[in-house]
Amino acid sequence: MNDIRKQVRAQIIQVMEQAHEKGEDVWKAAEAAFPGVPDGVIIDAWCDFDSAVEDRWWQSLEKTIEGEIVKNAIAKTGGAA
């Protein structure tokens, strides 16, 4: 993928992230910000956006689980919890 395509995709993803933070429809926000962009371009950007959302969710879950494991280990050894 060339630099122009990467830059356009990054801008679309940025619009999606901003819409997501506001609780808005990310797809509609991208279409409104970039009228005439083919669906395939928005689909590719949405896939990248959604993968990032999923990664953040997994990381949050993993930190929660790791925190519980550490907390339980400390409690079992009689340390401060």
PDB file of N, CA and C in Angstrom:
ATOM      1  N   MET A   1       0.858  -1.166   0.000  1.00  0.00           N
ATOM      2  CA  MET A   1       0.000   0.000   0.000  1.00  0.00           C
ATOM      3  C   MET A   1       0.907   1.233   0.000  1.00  0.00           C
ATOM      4  N   ASN A   2       0.604   2.194  -0.875  1.00  0.00           N
ATOM      5  CA  ASN A   2       1.442   3.387  -0.932  1.00  0.00           C
ATOM      6  C   ASN A   2       1.078   4.383   0.165  1.00  0.00           C
ATOM      7  N   ASP A   3       1.913   5.410   0.308  1.00  0.00           N
ATOM      8  CA  ASP A   3       1.746   6.368   1.403  1.00  0.00           C
ATOM      9  C   ASP A   3       0.425   7.119   1.353  1.00  0.00           C
ATOM     10  N   ILE A   4      -0.029   7.487   0.169  1.00  0.00           N
ATOM     11  CA  ILE A   4      -1.290   8.234   0.063  1.00  0.00           C
ATOM     12  C   ILE A   4      -2.441   7.378   0.577  1.00  0.00           C
ATOM     13  N   ARG A   5      -2.475   6.131   0.199  1.00  0.00           N
ATOM     14  CA  ARG A   5      -3.541   5.236   0.671  1.00  0.00           C
ATOM     15  C   ARG A   5      -3.482   5.073   2.190  1.00  0.00           C
ATOM     16  N   LYS A   6      -2.271   4.923   2.722  1.00  0.00           N
ATOM     17  CA  LYS A   6      -2.113   4.794   4.172  1.00  0.00           C
ATOM     18  C   LYS A   6      -2.600   6.050   4.887  1.00  0.00           C
ATOM     19  N   GLN A   7      -2.284   7.210   4.328  1.00  0.00           N
ATOM     20  CA  GLN A   7      -2.684   8.472   4.943  1.00  0.00           C
ATOM     21  C   GLN A   7      -4.196   8.644   4.920  1.00  0.00           C
ATOM     22  N   VAL A   8      -4.809   8.319   3.790  1.00  0.00           N
ATOM     23  CA  VAL A   8      -6.269   8.431   3.685  1.00  0.00           C
ATOM     24  C   VAL A   8      -6.931   7.461   4.656  1.00  0.00           C
ATOM     25  N   ARG A   9      -6.456   6.231   4.694  1.00  0.00           N
ATOM     26  CA  ARG A   9      -7.028   5.244   5.613  1.00  0.00           C
ATOM     27  C   ARG A   9      -6.866   5.711   7.059  1.00  0.00           C
ATOM     28  N   ALA A  10      -5.711   6.263   7.391  1.00  0.00           N
ATOM     29  CA  ALA A  10      -5.474   6.761   8.753  1.00  0.00           C
ATOM     30  C   ALA A  10      -6.435   7.897   9.097  1.00  0.00           C
ATOM     31  N   GLN A  11      -6.726   8.763   8.141  1.00  0.00           N
ATOM     32  CA  GLN A  11      -7.664   9.860   8.389  1.00  0.00           C
ATOM     33  C   GLN A  11      -9.077   9.333   8.596  1.00  0.00           C
ATOM     34  N   ILE A  12      -9.454   8.350   7.815  1.00  0.00           N
ATOM     35  CA  ILE A  12     -10.787   7.749   7.974  1.00  0.00           C
ATOM     36  C   ILE A  12     -10.886   7.079   9.345  1.00  0.00           C
ATOM     37  N   ILE A  13      -9.851   6.359   9.732  1.00  0.00           N
ATOM     38  CA  ILE A  13      -9.842   5.696  11.042  1.00  0.00           C
ATOM     39  C   ILE A  13      -9.928   6.725  12.160  1.00  0.00           C
ATOM     40  N   GLN A  14      -9.248   7.838  12.004  1.00  0.00           N
ATOM     41  CA  GLN A  14      -9.298   8.893  13.017  1.00  0.00           C
ATOM     42  C   GLN A  14     -10.724   9.417  13.183  1.00  0.00           C
ATOM     43  N   VAL A  15     -11.421   9.615  12.073  1.00  0.00           N
ATOM     44  CA  VAL A  15     -12.823  10.051  12.132  1.00  0.00           C
ATOM     45  C   VAL A  15     -13.663   8.992  12.837  1.00  0.00           C
ATOM     46  N   MET A  16     -13.411   7.730  12.529  1.00  0.00           N
ATOM     47  CA  MET A  16     -14.147   6.644  13.176  1.00  0.00           C
ATOM     48  C   MET A  16     -13.893   6.623  14.679  1.00  0.00           C
ATOM     49  N   GLU A  17     -12.644   6.807  15.077  1.00  0.00           N
ATOM     50  CA  GLU A  17     -12.312   6.811  16.506  1.00  0.00           C
ATOM     51  C   GLU A  17     -13.011   7.953  17.231  1.00  0.00           C
ATOM     52  N   GLN A  18     -13.034   9.126  16.607  1.00  0.00           N
ATOM     53  CA  GLN A  18     -13.704  10.278  17.214  1.00  0.00           C
ATOM     54  C   GLN A  18     -15.202  10.025  17.343  1.00  0.00           C
ATOM     55  N   ALA A  19     -15.794   9.448  16.312  1.00  0.00           N
ATOM     56  CA  ALA A  19     -17.226   9.136  16.355  1.00  0.00           C
ATOM     57  C   ALA A  19     -17.510   8.098  17.437  1.00  0.00           C
ATOM     58  N   HIS A  20     -16.659   7.106  17.528  1.00  0.00           N
ATOM     59  CA  HIS A  20     -16.823   6.048  18.535  1.00  0.00           C
ATOM     60  C   HIS A  20     -16.794   6.632  19.946  1.00  0.00           C
ATOM     61  N   GLU A  21     -15.867   7.547  20.189  1.00  0.00           N
ATOM     62  CA  GLU A  21     -15.756   8.191  21.502  1.00  0.00           C
ATOM     63  C   GLU A  21     -17.016   8.981  21.852  1.00  0.00           C
ATOM     64  N   LYS A  22     -17.682   9.511  20.828  1.00  0.00           N
ATOM     65  CA  LYS A  22     -18.905  10.289  21.043  1.00  0.00           C
ATOM     66  C   LYS A  22     -20.156   9.411  21.055  1.00  0.00           C
ATOM     67  N   GLY A  23     -19.978   8.114  20.812  1.00  0.00           N
ATOM     68  CA  GLY A  23     -21.115   7.206  20.763  1.00  0.00           C
ATOM     69  C   GLY A  23     -21.887   7.285  19.458  1.00  0.00           C
ATOM     70  N   GLU A  24     -21.250   7.801  18.429  1.00  0.00           N
ATOM     71  CA  GLU A  24     -21.890   7.941  17.122  1.00  0.00           C
ATOM     72  C   GLU A  24     -21.583   6.732  16.241  1.00  0.00           C
ATOM     73  N   ASP A  25     -22.334   6.613  15.171  1.00  0.00           N
ATOM     74  CA  ASP A  25     -22.127   5.548  14.192  1.00  0.00           C
ATOM     75  C   ASP A  25     -20.841   5.838  13.415  1.00  0.00           C
ATOM     76  N   VAL A  26     -19.858   4.967  13.549  1.00  0.00           N
ATOM     77  CA  VAL A  26     -18.555   5.216  12.934  1.00  0.00           C
ATOM     78  C   VAL A  26     -18.615   5.155  11.409  1.00  0.00           C
ATOM     79  N   TRP A  27     -19.435   4.266  10.898  1.00  0.00           N
ATOM     80  CA  TRP A  27     -19.560   4.129   9.442  1.00  0.00           C
ATOM     81  C   TRP A  27     -20.157   5.393   8.840  1.00  0.00           C
ATOM     82  N   LYS A  28     -21.251   5.870   9.434  1.00  0.00           N
ATOM     83  CA  LYS A  28     -21.902   7.086   8.932  1.00  0.00           C
ATOM     84  C   LYS A  28     -20.985   8.295   9.059  1.00  0.00           C
ATOM     85  N   ALA A  29     -20.220   8.344  10.137  1.00  0.00           N
ATOM     86  CA  ALA A  29     -19.281   9.454  10.326  1.00  0.00           C
ATOM     87  C   ALA A  29     -18.228   9.458   9.221  1.00  0.00           C
ATOM     88  N   ALA A  30     -17.730   8.286   8.869  1.00  0.00           N
ATOM     89  CA  ALA A  30     -16.729   8.187   7.805  1.00  0.00           C
ATOM     90  C   ALA A  30     -17.324   8.585   6.463  1.00  0.00           C
ATOM     91  N   GLU A  31     -18.535   8.122   6.189  1.00  0.00           N
ATOM     92  CA  GLU A  31     -19.191   8.485   4.928  1.00  0.00           C
ATOM     93  C   GLU A  31     -19.448   9.985   4.850  1.00  0.00           C
ATOM     94  N   ALA A  32     -19.842  10.591   5.974  1.00  0.00           N
ATOM     95  CA  ALA A  32     -20.122  12.028   5.986  1.00  0.00           C
ATOM     96  C   ALA A  32     -18.841  12.842   5.813  1.00  0.00           C
ATOM     97  N   ALA A  33     -17.762  12.384   6.422  1.00  0.00           N
ATOM     98  CA  ALA A  33     -16.496  13.109   6.349  1.00  0.00           C
ATOM     99  C   ALA A  33     -15.788  12.920   5.012  1.00  0.00           C
ATOM    100  N   PHE A  34     -16.057  11.801   4.361  1.00  0.00           N
ATOM    101  CA  PHE A  34     -15.393  11.472   3.103  1.00  0.00           C
ATOM    102  C   PHE A  34     -16.422  11.047   2.060  1.00  0.00           C
ATOM    103  N   PRO A  35     -17.259  11.994   1.615  1.00  0.00           N
ATOM    104  CA  PRO A  35     -18.298  11.638   0.642  1.00  0.00           C
ATOM    105  C   PRO A  35     -17.681  11.135  -0.671  1.00  0.00           C
ATOM    106  N   GLY A  36     -18.301  10.127  -1.211  1.00  0.00           N
ATOM    107  CA  GLY A  36     -17.844   9.587  -2.482  1.00  0.00           C
ATOM    108  C   GLY A  36     -16.758   8.533  -2.371  1.00  0.00           C
ATOM    109  N   VAL A  37     -16.268   8.295  -1.168  1.00  0.00           N
ATOM    110  CA  VAL A  37     -15.248   7.259  -0.992  1.00  0.00           C
ATOM    111  C   VAL A  37     -15.919   5.903  -1.193  1.00  0.00           C
ATOM    112  N   PRO A  38     -15.327   5.041  -1.988  1.00  0.00           N
ATOM    113  CA  PRO A  38     -15.929   3.728  -2.220  1.00  0.00           C
ATOM    114  C   PRO A  38     -16.086   2.929  -0.920  1.00  0.00           C
ATOM    115  N   ASP A  39     -17.116   2.105  -0.897  1.00  0.00           N
ATOM    116  CA  ASP A  39     -17.377   1.281   0.287  1.00  0.00           C
ATOM    117  C   ASP A  39     -16.169   0.430   0.669  1.00  0.00           C
ATOM    118  N   GLY A  40     -15.455  -0.071  -0.317  1.00  0.00           N
ATOM    119  CA  GLY A  40     -14.299  -0.921  -0.040  1.00  0.00           C
ATOM    120  C   GLY A  40     -13.234  -0.215   0.781  1.00  0.00           C
ATOM    121  N   VAL A  41     -13.048   1.064   0.530  1.00  0.00           N
ATOM    122  CA  VAL A  41     -12.061   1.843   1.285  1.00  0.00           C
ATOM    123  C   VAL A  41     -12.525   1.995   2.730  1.00  0.00           C
ATOM    124  N   ILE A  42     -13.815   2.282   2.907  1.00  0.00           N
ATOM    125  CA  ILE A  42     -14.361   2.423   4.258  1.00  0.00           C
ATOM    126  C   ILE A  42     -14.343   1.070   4.973  1.00  0.00           C
ATOM    127  N   ILE A  43     -14.625   0.010   4.252  1.00  0.00           N
ATOM    128  CA  ILE A  43     -14.585  -1.333   4.848  1.00  0.00           C
ATOM    129  C   ILE A  43     -13.181  -1.640   5.363  1.00  0.00           C
ATOM    130  N   ASP A  44     -12.166  -1.363   4.550  1.00  0.00           N
ATOM    131  CA  ASP A  44     -10.785  -1.620   4.975  1.00  0.00           C
ATOM    132  C   ASP A  44     -10.430  -0.799   6.212  1.00  0.00           C
ATOM    133  N   ALA A  45     -10.825   0.469   6.212  1.00  0.00           N
ATOM    134  CA  ALA A  45     -10.551   1.328   7.372  1.00  0.00           C
ATOM    135  C   ALA A  45     -11.316   0.825   8.591  1.00  0.00           C
ATOM    136  N   TRP A  46     -12.571   0.425   8.386  1.00  0.00           N
ATOM    137  CA  TRP A  46     -13.372  -0.083   9.503  1.00  0.00           C
ATOM    138  C   TRP A  46     -12.752  -1.354  10.085  1.00  0.00           C
ATOM    139  N   CYS A  47     -12.238  -2.220   9.231  1.00  0.00           N
ATOM    140  CA  CYS A  47     -11.593  -3.450   9.719  1.00  0.00           C
ATOM    141  C   CYS A  47     -10.398  -3.111  10.605  1.00  0.00           C
ATOM    142  N   ASP A  48      -9.589  -2.136  10.174  1.00  0.00           N
ATOM    143  CA  ASP A  48      -8.451  -1.708  10.994  1.00  0.00           C
ATOM    144  C   ASP A  48      -8.936  -1.091  12.302  1.00  0.00           C
ATOM    145  N   PHE A  49      -9.949  -0.242  12.219  1.00  0.00           N
ATOM    146  CA  PHE A  49     -10.523   0.391  13.408  1.00  0.00           C
ATOM    147  C   PHE A  49     -11.053  -0.667  14.368  1.00  0.00           C
ATOM    148  N   ASP A  50     -11.824  -1.599  13.851  1.00  0.00           N
ATOM    149  CA  ASP A  50     -12.436  -2.625  14.687  1.00  0.00           C
ATOM    150  C   ASP A  50     -11.382  -3.531  15.320  1.00  0.00           C
ATOM    151  N   SER A  51     -10.330  -3.833  14.586  1.00  0.00           N
ATOM    152  CA  SER A  51      -9.240  -4.640  15.146  1.00  0.00           C
ATOM    153  C   SER A  51      -8.579  -3.920  16.316  1.00  0.00           C
ATOM    154  N   ALA A  52      -8.413  -2.607  16.192  1.00  0.00           N
ATOM    155  CA  ALA A  52      -7.823  -1.824  17.279  1.00  0.00           C
ATOM    156  C   ALA A  52      -8.734  -1.819  18.502  1.00  0.00           C
ATOM    157  N   VAL A  53     -10.043  -1.693  18.280  1.00  0.00           N
ATOM    158  CA  VAL A  53     -11.007  -1.736  19.387  1.00  0.00           C
ATOM    159  C   VAL A  53     -10.935  -3.097  20.070  1.00  0.00           C
ATOM    160  N   GLU A  54     -10.899  -4.142  19.269  1.00  0.00           N
ATOM    161  CA  GLU A  54     -10.821  -5.495  19.820  1.00  0.00           C
ATOM    162  C   GLU A  54      -9.523  -5.701  20.596  1.00  0.00           C
ATOM    163  N   ASP A  55      -8.414  -5.216  20.070  1.00  0.00           N
ATOM    164  CA  ASP A  55      -7.130  -5.343  20.770  1.00  0.00           C
ATOM    165  C   ASP A  55      -7.168  -4.643  22.124  1.00  0.00           C
ATOM    166  N   ARG A  56      -7.747  -3.443  22.162  1.00  0.00           N
ATOM    167  CA  ARG A  56      -7.845  -2.724  23.438  1.00  0.00           C
ATOM    168  C   ARG A  56      -8.715  -3.494  24.426  1.00  0.00           C
ATOM    169  N   TRP A  57      -9.785  -4.120  23.938  1.00  0.00           N
ATOM    170  CA  TRP A  57     -10.661  -4.903  24.804  1.00  0.00           C
ATOM    171  C   TRP A  57      -9.894  -6.083  25.391  1.00  0.00           C
ATOM    172  N   TRP A  58      -9.168  -6.812  24.536  1.00  0.00           N
ATOM    173  CA  TRP A  58      -8.389  -7.955  25.010  1.00  0.00           C
ATOM    174  C   TRP A  58      -7.344  -7.515  26.029  1.00  0.00           C
ATOM    175  N   GLN A  59      -6.652  -6.416  25.745  1.00  0.00           N
ATOM    176  CA  GLN A  59      -5.633  -5.925  26.673  1.00  0.00           C
ATOM    177  C   GLN A  59      -6.243  -5.590  28.026  1.00  0.00           C
ATOM    178  N   SER A  60      -7.401  -4.965  28.009  1.00  0.00           N
ATOM    179  CA  SER A  60      -8.089  -4.630  29.254  1.00  0.00           C
ATOM    180  C   SER A  60      -8.461  -5.894  30.024  1.00  0.00           C
ATOM    181  N   LEU A  61      -8.982  -6.873  29.310  1.00  0.00           N
ATOM    182  CA  LEU A  61      -9.354  -8.141  29.929  1.00  0.00           C
ATOM    183  C   LEU A  61      -8.132  -8.845  30.512  1.00  0.00           C
ATOM    184  N   GLU A  62      -7.051  -8.869  29.748  1.00  0.00           N
ATOM    185  CA  GLU A  62      -5.831  -9.525  30.206  1.00  0.00           C
ATOM    186  C   GLU A  62      -5.273  -8.847  31.457  1.00  0.00           C
ATOM    187  N   LYS A  63      -5.306  -7.513  31.484  1.00  0.00           N
ATOM    188  CA  LYS A  63      -4.826  -6.790  32.670  1.00  0.00           C
ATOM    189  C   LYS A  63      -5.690  -7.112  33.876  1.00  0.00           C
ATOM    190  N   THR A  64      -7.000  -7.204  33.665  1.00  0.00           N
ATOM    191  CA  THR A  64      -7.910  -7.540  34.761  1.00  0.00           C
ATOM    192  C   THR A  64      -7.602  -8.930  35.299  1.00  0.00           C
ATOM    193  N   ILE A  65      -7.432  -9.878  34.402  1.00  0.00           N
ATOM    194  CA  ILE A  65      -7.141 -11.253  34.811  1.00  0.00           C
ATOM    195  C   ILE A  65      -5.786 -11.323  35.508  1.00  0.00           C
ATOM    196  N   GLU A  66      -4.775 -10.661  34.934  1.00  0.00           N
ATOM    197  CA  GLU A  66      -3.447 -10.659  35.551  1.00  0.00           C
ATOM    198  C   GLU A  66      -3.505 -10.027  36.933  1.00  0.00           C
ATOM    199  N   GLY A  67      -4.265  -8.954  37.068  1.00  0.00           N
ATOM    200  CA  GLY A  67      -4.414  -8.295  38.362  1.00  0.00           C
ATOM    201  C   GLY A  67      -5.044  -9.209  39.393  1.00  0.00           C
ATOM    202  N   GLU A  68      -6.054  -9.957  38.979  1.00  0.00           N
ATOM    203  CA  GLU A  68      -6.709 -10.901  39.893  1.00  0.00           C
ATOM    204  C   GLU A  68      -5.766 -12.032  40.286  1.00  0.00           C
ATOM    205  N   ILE A  69      -4.968 -12.500  39.346  1.00  0.00           N
ATOM    206  CA  ILE A  69      -4.009 -13.570  39.643  1.00  0.00           C
ATOM    207  C   ILE A  69      -2.995 -13.082  40.672  1.00  0.00           C
ATOM    208  N   VAL A  70      -2.475 -11.883  40.473  1.00  0.00           N
ATOM    209  CA  VAL A  70      -1.509 -11.323  41.421  1.00  0.00           C
ATOM    210  C   VAL A  70      -2.164 -11.115  42.778  1.00  0.00           C
ATOM    211  N   LYS A  71      -3.365 -10.557  42.778  1.00  0.00           N
ATOM    212  CA  LYS A  71      -4.093 -10.313  44.034  1.00  0.00           C
ATOM    213  C   LYS A  71      -4.321 -11.623  44.790  1.00  0.00           C
ATOM    214  N   ASN A  72      -4.744 -12.655  44.069  1.00  0.00           N
ATOM    215  CA  ASN A  72      -4.982 -13.959  44.701  1.00  0.00           C
ATOM    216  C   ASN A  72      -3.685 -14.579  45.219  1.00  0.00           C
ATOM    217  N   ALA A  73      -2.606 -14.413  44.472  1.00  0.00           N
ATOM    218  CA  ALA A  73      -1.319 -14.961  44.900  1.00  0.00           C
ATOM    219  C   ALA A  73      -0.842 -14.275  46.175  1.00  0.00           C
ATOM    220  N   ILE A  74      -1.019 -12.970  46.236  1.00  0.00           N
ATOM    221  CA  ILE A  74      -0.623 -12.228  47.441  1.00  0.00           C
ATOM    222  C   ILE A  74      -1.468 -12.673  48.627  1.00  0.00           C
ATOM    223  N   ALA A  75      -2.753 -12.817  48.396  1.00  0.00           N
ATOM    224  CA  ALA A  75      -3.654 -13.239  49.478  1.00  0.00           C
ATOM    225  C   ALA A  75      -3.287 -14.634  49.986  1.00  0.00           C
ATOM    226  N   LYS A  76      -2.909 -15.540  49.078  1.00  0.00           N
ATOM    227  CA  LYS A  76      -2.563 -16.914  49.471  1.00  0.00           C
ATOM    228  C   LYS A  76      -1.276 -16.964  50.288  1.00  0.00           C
ATOM    229  N   THR A  77      -0.364 -16.030  50.016  1.00  0.00           N
ATOM    230  CA  THR A  77       0.909 -16.034  50.744  1.00  0.00           C
ATOM    231  C   THR A  77       0.839 -15.215  52.021  1.00  0.00           C
ATOM    232  N   GLY A  78      -0.322 -14.640  52.276  1.00  0.00           N
ATOM    233  CA  GLY A  78      -0.500 -13.869  53.505  1.00  0.00           C
ATOM    234  C   GLY A  78      -0.006 -12.444  53.413  1.00  0.00           C
ATOM    235  N   GLY A  79       0.291 -11.990  52.194  1.00  0.00           N
ATOM    236  CA  GLY A  79       0.747 -10.609  52.010  1.00  0.00           C
ATOM    237  C   GLY A  79      -0.414  -9.639  51.974  1.00  0.00           C
ATOM    238  N   ALA A  80      -0.091  -8.379  51.815  1.00  0.00           N
ATOM    239  CA  ALA A  80      -1.127  -7.339  51.739  1.00  0.00           C
ATOM    240  C   ALA A  80      -1.883  -7.470  50.432  1.00  0.00           C
ATOM    241  N   ALA A  81      -3.185  -7.303  50.490  1.00  0.00           N
ATOM    242  CA  ALA A  81      -4.001  -7.408  49.285  1.00  0.00           C
ATOM    243  C   ALA A  81      -4.508  -6.059  48.873  1.00  0.00           C
TER     244      ALA A  81
END
